[in-house]
Amino acid sequence: MLEIPEEAVNAMRLPRGEVEQELRKELALALYARGALSIGKSTEVAGVPRREFEAMLAQRRIERPYSSAELGRDLDFANG
């Protein structure tokens, strides 16, 4: 498991109870942006619902890869 030095945790300008959740979100965003994790696994790491994670991606302007296969499935779904 990842260990953060106590001095670094204390230096963060976050309420103590929010540190772990914020670090999980930051890690998930960074790994997703690098292509190291899928969006599904990233939401698990972040510990948030997928919609919330997608909103975080948009807020950070992190592009989400969208393949032509995904487009085809979405169009098929939209067309019934």
PDB file of N, CA and C in Angstrom:
ATOM      1  N   MET A   1       0.836  -1.177   0.000  1.00  0.00           N
ATOM      2  CA  MET A   1       0.000   0.000   0.000  1.00  0.00           C
ATOM      3  C   MET A   1       0.885   1.247   0.000  1.00  0.00           C
ATOM      4  N   LEU A   2       0.376   2.273  -0.581  1.00  0.00           N
ATOM      5  CA  LEU A   2       1.089   3.537  -0.674  1.00  0.00           C
ATOM      6  C   LEU A   2       1.109   4.245   0.671  1.00  0.00           C
ATOM      7  N   GLU A   3       2.281   4.701   1.078  1.00  0.00           N
ATOM      8  CA  GLU A   3       2.405   5.436   2.337  1.00  0.00           C
ATOM      9  C   GLU A   3       2.869   6.850   2.033  1.00  0.00           C
ATOM     10  N   ILE A   4       2.166   7.810   2.602  1.00  0.00           N
ATOM     11  CA  ILE A   4       2.508   9.224   2.452  1.00  0.00           C
ATOM     12  C   ILE A   4       3.135   9.673   3.766  1.00  0.00           C
ATOM     13  N   PRO A   5       4.311  10.304   3.703  1.00  0.00           N
ATOM     14  CA  PRO A   5       4.929  10.768   4.949  1.00  0.00           C
ATOM     15  C   PRO A   5       3.992  11.687   5.724  1.00  0.00           C
ATOM     16  N   GLU A   6       3.950  11.500   7.025  1.00  0.00           N
ATOM     17  CA  GLU A   6       3.072  12.281   7.894  1.00  0.00           C
ATOM     18  C   GLU A   6       3.323  13.785   7.734  1.00  0.00           C
ATOM     19  N   GLU A   7       4.573  14.164   7.539  1.00  0.00           N
ATOM     20  CA  GLU A   7       4.892  15.588   7.357  1.00  0.00           C
ATOM     21  C   GLU A   7       4.213  16.153   6.110  1.00  0.00           C
ATOM     22  N   ALA A   8       4.157  15.345   5.058  1.00  0.00           N
ATOM     23  CA  ALA A   8       3.502  15.794   3.827  1.00  0.00           C
ATOM     24  C   ALA A   8       1.996  15.906   4.037  1.00  0.00           C
ATOM     25  N   VAL A   9       1.414  14.937   4.737  1.00  0.00           N
ATOM     26  CA  VAL A   9      -0.020  14.985   5.027  1.00  0.00           C
ATOM     27  C   VAL A   9      -0.342  16.228   5.843  1.00  0.00           C
ATOM     28  N   ASN A  10       0.473  16.502   6.847  1.00  0.00           N
ATOM     29  CA  ASN A  10       0.256  17.677   7.693  1.00  0.00           C
ATOM     30  C   ASN A  10       0.421  18.982   6.925  1.00  0.00           C
ATOM     31  N   ALA A  11       1.243  18.974   5.891  1.00  0.00           N
ATOM     32  CA  ALA A  11       1.490  20.187   5.108  1.00  0.00           C
ATOM     33  C   ALA A  11       0.367  20.482   4.112  1.00  0.00           C
ATOM     34  N   MET A  12      -0.478  19.495   3.832  1.00  0.00           N
ATOM     35  CA  MET A  12      -1.565  19.692   2.878  1.00  0.00           C
ATOM     36  C   MET A  12      -2.597  20.645   3.456  1.00  0.00           C
ATOM     37  N   ARG A  13      -3.079  21.504   2.605  1.00  0.00           N
ATOM     38  CA  ARG A  13      -4.089  22.469   3.035  1.00  0.00           C
ATOM     39  C   ARG A  13      -5.479  21.902   2.812  1.00  0.00           C
ATOM     40  N   LEU A  14      -5.704  20.778   3.465  1.00  0.00           N
ATOM     41  CA  LEU A  14      -6.981  20.073   3.380  1.00  0.00           C
ATOM     42  C   LEU A  14      -7.372  19.638   4.783  1.00  0.00           C
ATOM     43  N   PRO A  15      -8.673  19.558   5.042  1.00  0.00           N
ATOM     44  CA  PRO A  15      -9.081  18.975   6.319  1.00  0.00           C
ATOM     45  C   PRO A  15      -8.557  17.543   6.421  1.00  0.00           C
ATOM     46  N   ARG A  16      -8.094  17.174   7.569  1.00  0.00           N
ATOM     47  CA  ARG A  16      -7.469  15.861   7.785  1.00  0.00           C
ATOM     48  C   ARG A  16      -8.337  14.718   7.253  1.00  0.00           C
ATOM     49  N   GLY A  17      -9.644  14.815   7.437  1.00  0.00           N
ATOM     50  CA  GLY A  17     -10.539  13.759   7.015  1.00  0.00           C
ATOM     51  C   GLY A  17     -10.717  13.648   5.508  1.00  0.00           C
ATOM     52  N   GLU A  18     -10.254  14.629   4.743  1.00  0.00           N
ATOM     53  CA  GLU A  18     -10.413  14.621   3.284  1.00  0.00           C
ATOM     54  C   GLU A  18      -9.148  14.220   2.537  1.00  0.00           C
ATOM     55  N   VAL A  19      -8.046  14.097   3.236  1.00  0.00           N
ATOM     56  CA  VAL A  19      -6.748  13.866   2.592  1.00  0.00           C
ATOM     57  C   VAL A  19      -6.743  12.580   1.762  1.00  0.00           C
ATOM     58  N   GLU A  20      -7.146  11.463   2.347  1.00  0.00           N
ATOM     59  CA  GLU A  20      -7.084  10.195   1.620  1.00  0.00           C
ATOM     60  C   GLU A  20      -7.963  10.226   0.374  1.00  0.00           C
ATOM     61  N   GLN A  21      -9.196  10.714   0.500  1.00  0.00           N
ATOM     62  CA  GLN A  21     -10.104  10.760  -0.653  1.00  0.00           C
ATOM     63  C   GLN A  21      -9.546  11.657  -1.755  1.00  0.00           C
ATOM     64  N   GLU A  22      -8.994  12.792  -1.405  1.00  0.00           N
ATOM     65  CA  GLU A  22      -8.437  13.697  -2.415  1.00  0.00           C
ATOM     66  C   GLU A  22      -7.219  13.089  -3.101  1.00  0.00           C
ATOM     67  N   LEU A  23      -6.386  12.402  -2.341  1.00  0.00           N
ATOM     68  CA  LEU A  23      -5.218  11.743  -2.940  1.00  0.00           C
ATOM     69  C   LEU A  23      -5.651  10.620  -3.882  1.00  0.00           C
ATOM     70  N   ARG A  24      -6.698   9.899  -3.517  1.00  0.00           N
ATOM     71  CA  ARG A  24      -7.213   8.829  -4.388  1.00  0.00           C
ATOM     72  C   ARG A  24      -7.712   9.422  -5.702  1.00  0.00           C
ATOM     73  N   LYS A  25      -8.434  10.538  -5.619  1.00  0.00           N
ATOM     74  CA  LYS A  25      -8.937  11.198  -6.827  1.00  0.00           C
ATOM     75  C   LYS A  25      -7.787  11.672  -7.708  1.00  0.00           C
ATOM     76  N   GLU A  26      -6.800  12.313  -7.102  1.00  0.00           N
ATOM     77  CA  GLU A  26      -5.658  12.824  -7.866  1.00  0.00           C
ATOM     78  C   GLU A  26      -4.900  11.693  -8.544  1.00  0.00           C
ATOM     79  N   LEU A  27      -4.699  10.606  -7.822  1.00  0.00           N
ATOM     80  CA  LEU A  27      -3.999   9.446  -8.386  1.00  0.00           C
ATOM     81  C   LEU A  27      -4.788   8.869  -9.557  1.00  0.00           C
ATOM     82  N   ALA A  28      -6.086   8.709  -9.383  1.00  0.00           N
ATOM     83  CA  ALA A  28      -6.922   8.151 -10.444  1.00  0.00           C
ATOM     84  C   ALA A  28      -6.907   9.039 -11.684  1.00  0.00           C
ATOM     85  N   LEU A  29      -7.019  10.344 -11.497  1.00  0.00           N
ATOM     86  CA  LEU A  29      -6.987  11.274 -12.635  1.00  0.00           C
ATOM     87  C   LEU A  29      -5.653  11.201 -13.366  1.00  0.00           C
ATOM     88  N   ALA A  30      -4.565  11.182 -12.603  1.00  0.00           N
ATOM     89  CA  ALA A  30      -3.234  11.148 -13.221  1.00  0.00           C
ATOM     90  C   ALA A  30      -3.013   9.848 -13.989  1.00  0.00           C
ATOM     91  N   LEU A  31      -3.401   8.726 -13.411  1.00  0.00           N
ATOM     92  CA  LEU A  31      -3.199   7.437 -14.088  1.00  0.00           C
ATOM     93  C   LEU A  31      -4.098   7.304 -15.307  1.00  0.00           C
ATOM     94  N   TYR A  32      -5.317   7.823 -15.228  1.00  0.00           N
ATOM     95  CA  TYR A  32      -6.202   7.799 -16.385  1.00  0.00           C
ATOM     96  C   TYR A  32      -5.629   8.663 -17.508  1.00  0.00           C
ATOM     97  N   ALA A  33      -5.163   9.858 -17.161  1.00  0.00           N
ATOM     98  CA  ALA A  33      -4.615  10.777 -18.160  1.00  0.00           C
ATOM     99  C   ALA A  33      -3.402  10.172 -18.875  1.00  0.00           C
ATOM    100  N   ARG A  34      -2.633   9.365 -18.172  1.00  0.00           N
ATOM    101  CA  ARG A  34      -1.464   8.702 -18.767  1.00  0.00           C
ATOM    102  C   ARG A  34      -1.830   7.468 -19.559  1.00  0.00           C
ATOM    103  N   GLY A  35      -3.077   7.034 -19.452  1.00  0.00           N
ATOM    104  CA  GLY A  35      -3.489   5.815 -20.137  1.00  0.00           C
ATOM    105  C   GLY A  35      -3.140   4.561 -19.367  1.00  0.00           C
ATOM    106  N   ALA A  36      -2.775   4.720 -18.094  1.00  0.00           N
ATOM    107  CA  ALA A  36      -2.374   3.573 -17.287  1.00  0.00           C
ATOM    108  C   ALA A  36      -3.557   2.828 -16.700  1.00  0.00           C
ATOM    109  N   LEU A  37      -4.706   3.486 -16.585  1.00  0.00           N
ATOM    110  CA  LEU A  37      -5.916   2.852 -16.064  1.00  0.00           C
ATOM    111  C   LEU A  37      -7.100   3.166 -16.958  1.00  0.00           C
ATOM    112  N   SER A  38      -8.015   2.221 -17.043  1.00  0.00           N
ATOM    113  CA  SER A  38      -9.267   2.440 -17.771  1.00  0.00           C
ATOM    114  C   SER A  38     -10.152   3.371 -16.939  1.00  0.00           C
ATOM    115  N   ILE A  39     -11.212   3.858 -17.555  1.00  0.00           N
ATOM    116  CA  ILE A  39     -12.118   4.729 -16.810  1.00  0.00           C
ATOM    117  C   ILE A  39     -12.807   3.958 -15.685  1.00  0.00           C
ATOM    118  N   GLY A  40     -13.125   2.695 -15.920  1.00  0.00           N
ATOM    119  CA  GLY A  40     -13.761   1.887 -14.877  1.00  0.00           C
ATOM    120  C   GLY A  40     -12.868   1.705 -13.663  1.00  0.00           C
ATOM    121  N   LYS A  41     -11.618   1.332 -13.909  1.00  0.00           N
ATOM    122  CA  LYS A  41     -10.681   1.141 -12.808  1.00  0.00           C
ATOM    123  C   LYS A  41     -10.344   2.477 -12.144  1.00  0.00           C
ATOM    124  N   SER A  42     -10.300   3.547 -12.929  1.00  0.00           N
ATOM    125  CA  SER A  42     -10.017   4.866 -12.366  1.00  0.00           C
ATOM    126  C   SER A  42     -11.109   5.296 -11.398  1.00  0.00           C
ATOM    127  N   THR A  43     -12.367   5.010 -11.753  1.00  0.00           N
ATOM    128  CA  THR A  43     -13.454   5.369 -10.841  1.00  0.00           C
ATOM    129  C   THR A  43     -13.368   4.557  -9.552  1.00  0.00           C
ATOM    130  N   GLU A  44     -12.921   3.306  -9.653  1.00  0.00           N
ATOM    131  CA  GLU A  44     -12.736   2.489  -8.450  1.00  0.00           C
ATOM    132  C   GLU A  44     -11.657   3.086  -7.552  1.00  0.00           C
ATOM    133  N   VAL A  45     -10.532   3.463  -8.149  1.00  0.00           N
ATOM    134  CA  VAL A  45      -9.444   4.057  -7.370  1.00  0.00           C
ATOM    135  C   VAL A  45      -9.907   5.364  -6.729  1.00  0.00           C
ATOM    136  N   ALA A  46     -10.606   6.186  -7.503  1.00  0.00           N
ATOM    137  CA  ALA A  46     -11.074   7.476  -6.999  1.00  0.00           C
ATOM    138  C   ALA A  46     -12.156   7.315  -5.940  1.00  0.00           C
ATOM    139  N   GLY A  47     -12.889   6.209  -6.003  1.00  0.00           N
ATOM    140  CA  GLY A  47     -13.953   5.976  -5.036  1.00  0.00           C
ATOM    141  C   GLY A  47     -15.164   6.862  -5.248  1.00  0.00           C
ATOM    142  N   VAL A  48     -15.414   7.186  -6.517  1.00  0.00           N
ATOM    143  CA  VAL A  48     -16.563   8.034  -6.858  1.00  0.00           C
ATOM    144  C   VAL A  48     -17.365   7.372  -7.973  1.00  0.00           C
ATOM    145  N   PRO A  49     -18.631   7.766  -8.117  1.00  0.00           N
ATOM    146  CA  PRO A  49     -19.418   7.246  -9.242  1.00  0.00           C
ATOM    147  C   PRO A  49     -18.820   7.699 -10.578  1.00  0.00           C
ATOM    148  N   ARG A  50     -19.087   6.924 -11.605  1.00  0.00           N
ATOM    149  CA  ARG A  50     -18.526   7.214 -12.923  1.00  0.00           C
ATOM    150  C   ARG A  50     -18.871   8.620 -13.410  1.00  0.00           C
ATOM    151  N   ARG A  51     -20.127   9.035 -13.222  1.00  0.00           N
ATOM    152  CA  ARG A  51     -20.522  10.384 -13.665  1.00  0.00           C
ATOM    153  C   ARG A  51     -19.675  11.459 -12.991  1.00  0.00           C
ATOM    154  N   GLU A  52     -19.411  11.274 -11.704  1.00  0.00           N
ATOM    155  CA  GLU A  52     -18.593  12.250 -10.982  1.00  0.00           C
ATOM    156  C   GLU A  52     -17.158  12.248 -11.519  1.00  0.00           C
ATOM    157  N   PHE A  53     -16.632  11.051 -11.811  1.00  0.00           N
ATOM    158  CA  PHE A  53     -15.272  10.977 -12.352  1.00  0.00           C
ATOM    159  C   PHE A  53     -15.212  11.639 -13.722  1.00  0.00           C
ATOM    160  N   GLU A  54     -16.219  11.401 -14.553  1.00  0.00           N
ATOM    161  CA  GLU A  54     -16.250  12.036 -15.876  1.00  0.00           C
ATOM    162  C   GLU A  54     -16.328  13.555 -15.739  1.00  0.00           C
ATOM    163  N   ALA A  55     -17.060  14.045 -14.748  1.00  0.00           N
ATOM    164  CA  ALA A  55     -17.129  15.492 -14.511  1.00  0.00           C
ATOM    165  C   ALA A  55     -15.756  16.027 -14.085  1.00  0.00           C
ATOM    166  N   MET A  56     -15.033  15.254 -13.290  1.00  0.00           N
ATOM    167  CA  MET A  56     -13.688  15.671 -12.878  1.00  0.00           C
ATOM    168  C   MET A  56     -12.763  15.717 -14.086  1.00  0.00           C
ATOM    169  N   LEU A  57     -12.895  14.740 -14.995  1.00  0.00           N
ATOM    170  CA  LEU A  57     -12.086  14.747 -16.211  1.00  0.00           C
ATOM    171  C   LEU A  57     -12.377  16.004 -17.029  1.00  0.00           C
ATOM    172  N   ALA A  58     -13.645  16.334 -17.177  1.00  0.00           N
ATOM    173  CA  ALA A  58     -14.031  17.520 -17.951  1.00  0.00           C
ATOM    174  C   ALA A  58     -13.507  18.786 -17.293  1.00  0.00           C
ATOM    175  N   GLN A  59     -13.626  18.859 -15.980  1.00  0.00           N
ATOM    176  CA  GLN A  59     -13.153  20.040 -15.260  1.00  0.00           C
ATOM    177  C   GLN A  59     -11.654  20.248 -15.445  1.00  0.00           C
ATOM    178  N   ARG A  60     -10.907  19.144 -15.500  1.00  0.00           N
ATOM    179  CA  ARG A  60      -9.448  19.220 -15.684  1.00  0.00           C
ATOM    180  C   ARG A  60      -9.049  19.251 -17.156  1.00  0.00           C
ATOM    181  N   ARG A  61     -10.043  19.153 -18.029  1.00  0.00           N
ATOM    182  CA  ARG A  61      -9.807  19.106 -19.474  1.00  0.00           C
ATOM    183  C   ARG A  61      -8.913  17.931 -19.872  1.00  0.00           C
ATOM    184  N   ILE A  62      -9.180  16.802 -19.240  1.00  0.00           N
ATOM    185  CA  ILE A  62      -8.485  15.561 -19.580  1.00  0.00           C
ATOM    186  C   ILE A  62      -9.338  14.859 -20.616  1.00  0.00           C
ATOM    187  N   GLU A  63      -8.766  14.684 -21.791  1.00  0.00           N
ATOM    188  CA  GLU A  63      -9.516  14.075 -22.885  1.00  0.00           C
ATOM    189  C   GLU A  63      -9.785  12.608 -22.613  1.00  0.00           C
ATOM    190  N   ARG A  64     -10.944  12.196 -23.049  1.00  0.00           N
ATOM    191  CA  ARG A  64     -11.341  10.806 -22.926  1.00  0.00           C
ATOM    192  C   ARG A  64     -11.293  10.168 -24.304  1.00  0.00           C
ATOM    193  N   PRO A  65     -10.465   9.133 -24.479  1.00  0.00           N
ATOM    194  CA  PRO A  65     -10.414   8.480 -25.780  1.00  0.00           C
ATOM    195  C   PRO A  65     -11.780   7.908 -26.142  1.00  0.00           C
ATOM    196  N   TYR A  66     -12.134   8.055 -27.381  1.00  0.00           N
ATOM    197  CA  TYR A  66     -13.440   7.580 -27.856  1.00  0.00           C
ATOM    198  C   TYR A  66     -13.201   6.918 -29.201  1.00  0.00           C
ATOM    199  N   SER A  67     -13.300   5.601 -29.216  1.00  0.00           N
ATOM    200  CA  SER A  67     -12.978   4.845 -30.424  1.00  0.00           C
ATOM    201  C   SER A  67     -14.155   4.841 -31.393  1.00  0.00           C
ATOM    202  N   SER A  68     -13.862   4.481 -32.632  1.00  0.00           N
ATOM    203  CA  SER A  68     -14.930   4.387 -33.627  1.00  0.00           C
ATOM    204  C   SER A  68     -15.892   3.249 -33.268  1.00  0.00           C
ATOM    205  N   ALA A  69     -15.391   2.203 -32.608  1.00  0.00           N
ATOM    206  CA  ALA A  69     -16.263   1.111 -32.166  1.00  0.00           C
ATOM    207  C   ALA A  69     -17.248   1.612 -31.116  1.00  0.00           C
ATOM    208  N   GLU A  70     -16.764   2.437 -30.179  1.00  0.00           N
ATOM    209  CA  GLU A  70     -17.659   3.014 -29.173  1.00  0.00           C
ATOM    210  C   GLU A  70     -18.704   3.912 -29.828  1.00  0.00           C
ATOM    211  N   LEU A  71     -18.281   4.685 -30.809  1.00  0.00           N
ATOM    212  CA  LEU A  71     -19.205   5.552 -31.533  1.00  0.00           C
ATOM    213  C   LEU A  71     -20.288   4.713 -32.211  1.00  0.00           C
ATOM    214  N   GLY A  72     -19.886   3.631 -32.847  1.00  0.00           N
ATOM    215  CA  GLY A  72     -20.841   2.753 -33.516  1.00  0.00           C
ATOM    216  C   GLY A  72     -21.857   2.177 -32.545  1.00  0.00           C
ATOM    217  N   ARG A  73     -21.389   1.721 -31.372  1.00  0.00           N
ATOM    218  CA  ARG A  73     -22.302   1.191 -30.357  1.00  0.00           C
ATOM    219  C   ARG A  73     -23.257   2.279 -29.865  1.00  0.00           C
ATOM    220  N   ASP A  74     -22.732   3.467 -29.646  1.00  0.00           N
ATOM    221  CA  ASP A  74     -23.579   4.567 -29.180  1.00  0.00           C
ATOM    222  C   ASP A  74     -24.618   4.948 -30.224  1.00  0.00           C
ATOM    223  N   LEU A  75     -24.213   4.964 -31.488  1.00  0.00           N
ATOM    224  CA  LEU A  75     -25.170   5.300 -32.550  1.00  0.00           C
ATOM    225  C   LEU A  75     -26.236   4.215 -32.678  1.00  0.00           C
ATOM    226  N   ASP A  76     -25.826   2.946 -32.586  1.00  0.00           N
ATOM    227  CA  ASP A  76     -26.793   1.837 -32.636  1.00  0.00           C
ATOM    228  C   ASP A  76     -27.792   1.964 -31.500  1.00  0.00           C
ATOM    229  N   PHE A  77     -27.285   2.281 -30.310  1.00  0.00           N
ATOM    230  CA  PHE A  77     -28.165   2.440 -29.158  1.00  0.00           C
ATOM    231  C   PHE A  77     -29.129   3.604 -29.354  1.00  0.00           C
ATOM    232  N   ALA A  78     -28.617   4.713 -29.839  1.00  0.00           N
ATOM    233  CA  ALA A  78     -29.452   5.900 -30.052  1.00  0.00           C
ATOM    234  C   ALA A  78     -30.525   5.670 -31.115  1.00  0.00           C
ATOM    235  N   ASN A  79     -30.190   4.851 -32.105  1.00  0.00           N
ATOM    236  CA  ASN A  79     -31.144   4.587 -33.190  1.00  0.00           C
ATOM    237  C   ASN A  79     -32.110   3.451 -32.864  1.00  0.00           C
ATOM    238  N   GLY A  80     -31.960   2.853 -31.694  1.00  0.00           N
ATOM    239  CA  GLY A  80     -32.902   1.807 -31.269  1.00  0.00           C
ATOM    240  C   GLY A  80     -32.484   0.481 -31.783  1.00  0.00           C
TER     241      GLY A  80
END
